[in-house]
Amino acid sequence: MSQTLKAIYRDGAFIPQTPCNLPDGAEVELTVHEPHVIPAKVTDPEERKRIMEELIQNMRSNPIPADAPRRFTREELHERR
């Protein structure tokens, strides 16, 4: 049986982006195609730093409340197409 799965390579591991029905410890063979990398639109280091600081400030001023009614699922946290 063969499956085609999409995955992202991060920190030395392949993270599946599509569901797979493999048991833990299953051995698989991977075929790696040319990666699709989207280049950064902002390359100026100072502008990138400003954007990151703004993002962190927004996150700090709008935290998810500890008593939020439910936790987000993995699907809700990650954009799926």
Protein backbone atom coordinates (compact mmCIF):
# COMPACT_ATOMS: atom_id res chain seq x y z
CA MET A 1 0.00 0.00 0.00
CA SER A 2 1.34 3.45 -0.84
CA GLN A 3 0.17 6.89 0.22
CA THR A 4 1.19 10.34 -0.87
CA LEU A 5 1.51 12.66 2.11
CA LYS A 6 2.56 16.28 2.36
CA ALA A 7 4.96 17.13 5.16
CA ILE A 8 7.11 20.00 6.40
CA TYR A 9 10.69 19.35 7.46
CA ARG A 10 11.35 21.11 10.77
CA ASP A 11 14.03 20.59 13.42
CA GLY A 12 15.19 17.32 11.89
CA ALA A 13 11.74 15.73 11.56
CA PHE A 14 9.06 15.52 8.89
CA ILE A 15 5.75 16.91 10.20
CA PRO A 16 2.78 15.46 8.25
CA GLN A 17 0.42 18.09 6.83
CA THR A 18 -2.15 15.54 5.69
CA PRO A 19 -3.69 12.75 7.78
CA CYS A 20 -1.94 9.38 7.70
CA ASN A 21 -3.09 6.08 9.14
CA LEU A 22 0.28 4.66 10.10
CA PRO A 23 0.97 2.93 13.40
CA ASP A 24 3.64 4.38 15.68
CA GLY A 25 7.06 3.11 14.71
CA ALA A 26 6.06 2.33 11.12
CA GLU A 27 9.02 2.45 8.76
CA VAL A 28 8.45 4.45 5.58
CA GLU A 29 10.45 5.41 2.53
CA LEU A 30 10.43 9.09 1.60
CA THR A 31 10.87 10.60 -1.83
CA VAL A 32 11.77 14.28 -1.51
CA HIS A 33 10.76 16.60 -4.33
CA GLU A 34 12.09 20.10 -4.82
CA PRO A 35 10.97 22.11 -1.76
CA HIS A 36 8.60 25.00 -2.26
CA VAL A 37 10.05 27.91 -0.29
CA ILE A 38 8.31 31.27 -0.33
CA PRO A 39 10.91 34.06 -0.15
CA ALA A 40 10.45 36.73 2.48
CA LYS A 41 8.79 39.89 1.19
CA VAL A 42 10.65 42.04 3.71
CA THR A 43 14.42 41.63 3.63
CA ASP A 44 15.58 44.77 5.46
CA PRO A 45 16.76 43.62 8.94
CA GLU A 46 15.49 46.77 10.67
CA GLU A 47 12.04 46.46 9.11
CA ARG A 48 11.89 42.76 10.04
CA LYS A 49 12.83 43.66 13.62
CA ARG A 50 10.10 46.33 13.75
CA ILE A 51 7.49 43.89 12.42
CA MET A 52 8.49 41.24 14.97
CA GLU A 53 8.33 43.72 17.85
CA GLU A 54 4.89 44.85 16.69
CA LEU A 55 3.71 41.25 16.47
CA ILE A 56 4.97 40.46 19.98
CA GLN A 57 3.32 43.59 21.36
CA ASN A 58 0.00 42.61 19.74
CA MET A 59 0.24 39.10 21.17
CA ARG A 60 0.96 40.44 24.66
CA SER A 61 -1.92 42.91 24.56
CA ASN A 62 -4.39 40.29 23.25
CA PRO A 63 -3.63 37.01 25.07
CA ILE A 64 -5.94 34.02 24.98
CA PRO A 65 -7.69 34.05 28.36
CA ALA A 66 -6.82 31.20 30.75
CA ASP A 67 -10.55 30.54 31.20
CA ALA A 68 -11.25 30.38 27.44
CA PRO A 69 -14.20 28.06 26.76
CA ARG A 70 -12.15 25.45 24.86
CA ARG A 71 -8.75 24.67 23.47
CA PHE A 72 -8.04 25.06 19.78
CA THR A 73 -7.50 21.91 17.74
CA ARG A 74 -4.41 21.45 15.57
CA GLU A 75 -6.59 21.97 12.49
CA GLU A 76 -7.88 25.30 13.86
CA LEU A 77 -4.38 26.53 14.69
CA HIS A 78 -2.87 25.69 11.29
CA GLU A 79 -4.18 26.97 7.99
CA ARG A 80 -5.35 24.11 5.80
CA ARG A 81 -6.10 24.32 2.08
